[in-house]
Amino acid sequence: MSTRISIFVCLLFTGLILACSGGKAVKAPVQAEIAPVVPDPFLARQERIDNATYNHFVNGSIFEAIGEYYAAAREYAAALELAPRSSQIRYSYANSLYMLKD
């Protein structure tokens, strides 16, 4: 009895699988070709900063996120000494000084 049920279940699943696939083999979708990466001219003009400058900037961002604006201003000032032309560091430094006003 259990053998007949097992055979019936196997045939049922096989029929169900064939019905869902339309009786045809399922083909894998064709992947589109990936376009080559075109360098952004804006990014090429940006100033590259070294690790020490980046560390000061990240530390300043962390201090600013937790509300320690004085410590953030010190870190941004140290970063500005190493990269005085960086507009992002200047903006962050000015923002931390503005927040100290309160």
C-alpha atoms as a PDB file:
ATOM      1  CA  MET A   1       0.000   0.000   0.000  1.00  0.00           C
ATOM      2  CA  SER A   2       2.726   2.497   0.919  1.00  0.00           C
ATOM      3  CA  THR A   3       4.624   1.674  -2.285  1.00  0.00           C
ATOM      4  CA  ARG A   4       1.594   2.659  -4.364  1.00  0.00           C
ATOM      5  CA  ILE A   5       1.312   5.946  -2.460  1.00  0.00           C
ATOM      6  CA  SER A   6       5.008   6.691  -2.960  1.00  0.00           C
ATOM      7  CA  ILE A   7       4.750   6.017  -6.692  1.00  0.00           C
ATOM      8  CA  PHE A   8       1.602   8.151  -6.909  1.00  0.00           C
ATOM      9  CA  VAL A   9       3.288  11.064  -5.083  1.00  0.00           C
ATOM     10  CA  CYS A  10       6.378  10.840  -7.326  1.00  0.00           C
ATOM     11  CA  LEU A  11       4.238  10.860 -10.468  1.00  0.00           C
ATOM     12  CA  LEU A  12       2.177  13.730  -9.116  1.00  0.00           C
ATOM     13  CA  PHE A  13       5.261  15.877  -8.453  1.00  0.00           C
ATOM     14  CA  THR A  14       6.773  14.982 -11.814  1.00  0.00           C
ATOM     15  CA  GLY A  15       3.553  15.986 -13.567  1.00  0.00           C
ATOM     16  CA  LEU A  16       3.397  19.186 -11.563  1.00  0.00           C
ATOM     17  CA  ILE A  17       6.959  20.112 -12.478  1.00  0.00           C
ATOM     18  CA  LEU A  18       6.345  19.420 -16.168  1.00  0.00           C
ATOM     19  CA  ALA A  19       3.109  21.397 -16.097  1.00  0.00           C
ATOM     20  CA  CYS A  20       4.811  24.422 -14.544  1.00  0.00           C
ATOM     21  CA  SER A  21       7.637  24.408 -17.062  1.00  0.00           C
ATOM     22  CA  GLY A  22       5.302  23.909 -20.003  1.00  0.00           C
ATOM     23  CA  GLY A  23       6.948  20.596 -20.789  1.00  0.00           C
ATOM     24  CA  LYS A  24      10.053  22.389 -22.016  1.00  0.00           C
ATOM     25  CA  ALA A  25      13.455  22.742 -20.476  1.00  0.00           C
ATOM     26  CA  VAL A  26      13.785  26.000 -18.603  1.00  0.00           C
ATOM     27  CA  LYS A  27      16.497  28.190 -20.072  1.00  0.00           C
ATOM     28  CA  ALA A  28      18.685  30.401 -17.933  1.00  0.00           C
ATOM     29  CA  PRO A  29      18.071  34.104 -18.531  1.00  0.00           C
ATOM     30  CA  VAL A  30      20.566  35.818 -20.801  1.00  0.00           C
ATOM     31  CA  GLN A  31      22.654  38.362 -18.935  1.00  0.00           C
ATOM     32  CA  ALA A  32      23.087  41.783 -20.464  1.00  0.00           C
ATOM     33  CA  GLU A  33      26.567  42.934 -21.237  1.00  0.00           C
ATOM     34  CA  ILE A  34      28.050  45.234 -18.643  1.00  0.00           C
ATOM     35  CA  ALA A  35      28.924  48.671 -19.928  1.00  0.00           C
ATOM     36  CA  PRO A  36      32.508  49.794 -19.385  1.00  0.00           C
ATOM     37  CA  VAL A  37      33.069  52.192 -16.505  1.00  0.00           C
ATOM     38  CA  VAL A  38      33.620  55.735 -17.702  1.00  0.00           C
ATOM     39  CA  PRO A  39      35.725  57.776 -15.268  1.00  0.00           C
ATOM     40  CA  ASP A  40      33.902  60.765 -13.828  1.00  0.00           C
ATOM     41  CA  PRO A  41      35.837  63.972 -14.620  1.00  0.00           C
ATOM     42  CA  PHE A  42      34.581  65.582 -11.389  1.00  0.00           C
ATOM     43  CA  LEU A  43      36.108  62.823  -9.286  1.00  0.00           C
ATOM     44  CA  ALA A  44      39.401  63.170 -11.122  1.00  0.00           C
ATOM     45  CA  ARG A  45      39.606  66.831 -10.054  1.00  0.00           C
ATOM     46  CA  GLN A  46      39.016  66.107  -6.382  1.00  0.00           C
ATOM     47  CA  GLU A  47      41.948  66.423  -4.080  1.00  0.00           C
ATOM     48  CA  ARG A  48      43.383  63.180  -2.773  1.00  0.00           C
ATOM     49  CA  ILE A  49      43.997  63.102   0.957  1.00  0.00           C
ATOM     50  CA  ASP A  50      46.373  60.938   2.935  1.00  0.00           C
ATOM     51  CA  ASN A  51      45.512  58.551   5.746  1.00  0.00           C
ATOM     52  CA  ALA A  52      46.305  60.961   8.578  1.00  0.00           C
ATOM     53  CA  THR A  53      43.979  63.596   7.124  1.00  0.00           C
ATOM     54  CA  TYR A  54      41.267  61.021   6.612  1.00  0.00           C
ATOM     55  CA  ASN A  55      41.632  59.757  10.186  1.00  0.00           C
ATOM     56  CA  HIS A  56      41.262  63.276  11.598  1.00  0.00           C
ATOM     57  CA  PHE A  57      38.231  63.876   9.394  1.00  0.00           C
ATOM     58  CA  VAL A  58      36.559  60.611  10.429  1.00  0.00           C
ATOM     59  CA  ASN A  59      37.287  61.258  14.099  1.00  0.00           C
ATOM     60  CA  GLY A  60      35.761  64.720  13.738  1.00  0.00           C
ATOM     61  CA  SER A  61      32.691  63.217  12.091  1.00  0.00           C
ATOM     62  CA  ILE A  62      32.303  60.727  14.923  1.00  0.00           C
ATOM     63  CA  PHE A  63      32.664  63.418  17.589  1.00  0.00           C
ATOM     64  CA  GLU A  64      30.147  65.565  15.735  1.00  0.00           C
ATOM     65  CA  ALA A  65      27.669  62.685  15.527  1.00  0.00           C
ATOM     66  CA  ILE A  66      27.743  62.163  19.300  1.00  0.00           C
ATOM     67  CA  GLY A  67      27.465  65.890  20.039  1.00  0.00           C
ATOM     68  CA  GLU A  68      31.082  66.576  21.060  1.00  0.00           C
ATOM     69  CA  TYR A  69      31.467  69.665  18.883  1.00  0.00           C
ATOM     70  CA  TYR A  70      34.605  71.002  20.587  1.00  0.00           C
ATOM     71  CA  ALA A  71      36.479  67.730  20.028  1.00  0.00           C
ATOM     72  CA  ALA A  72      35.117  67.611  16.456  1.00  0.00           C
ATOM     73  CA  ALA A  73      36.408  71.133  15.791  1.00  0.00           C
ATOM     74  CA  ARG A  74      39.881  70.130  17.052  1.00  0.00           C
ATOM     75  CA  GLU A  75      39.952  67.094  14.735  1.00  0.00           C
ATOM     76  CA  TYR A  76      38.727  69.113  11.747  1.00  0.00           C
ATOM     77  CA  ALA A  77      41.378  71.783  12.459  1.00  0.00           C
ATOM     78  CA  ALA A  78      44.066  69.100  12.477  1.00  0.00           C
ATOM     79  CA  ALA A  79      42.721  67.753   9.186  1.00  0.00           C
ATOM     80  CA  LEU A  80      42.709  71.254   7.683  1.00  0.00           C
ATOM     81  CA  GLU A  81      46.372  71.706   8.565  1.00  0.00           C
ATOM     82  CA  LEU A  82      47.148  68.656   6.442  1.00  0.00           C
ATOM     83  CA  ALA A  83      44.720  69.436   3.589  1.00  0.00           C
ATOM     84  CA  PRO A  84      43.933  73.172   3.616  1.00  0.00           C
ATOM     85  CA  ARG A  85      42.138  73.155   0.239  1.00  0.00           C
ATOM     86  CA  SER A  86      39.558  70.483   1.098  1.00  0.00           C
ATOM     87  CA  SER A  87      36.097  72.011   0.887  1.00  0.00           C
ATOM     88  CA  GLN A  88      34.435  69.112   2.716  1.00  0.00           C
ATOM     89  CA  ILE A  89      36.756  69.474   5.713  1.00  0.00           C
ATOM     90  CA  ARG A  90      36.240  73.261   5.711  1.00  0.00           C
ATOM     91  CA  TYR A  91      32.465  72.815   5.671  1.00  0.00           C
ATOM     92  CA  SER A  92      32.536  70.266   8.497  1.00  0.00           C
ATOM     93  CA  TYR A  93      34.864  72.480  10.553  1.00  0.00           C
ATOM     94  CA  ALA A  94      32.591  75.497  10.070  1.00  0.00           C
ATOM     95  CA  ASN A  95      29.542  73.421  10.977  1.00  0.00           C
ATOM     96  CA  SER A  96      31.132  72.192  14.209  1.00  0.00           C
ATOM     97  CA  LEU A  97      32.095  75.763  15.132  1.00  0.00           C
ATOM     98  CA  TYR A  98      28.543  76.893  14.414  1.00  0.00           C
ATOM     99  CA  MET A  99      27.169  74.183  16.679  1.00  0.00           C
ATOM    100  CA  LEU A 100      29.518  75.367  19.465  1.00  0.00           C
ATOM    101  CA  LYS A 101      27.772  78.746  19.384  1.00  0.00           C
ATOM    102  CA  ASP A 102      24.832  77.409  21.424  1.00  0.00           C
END
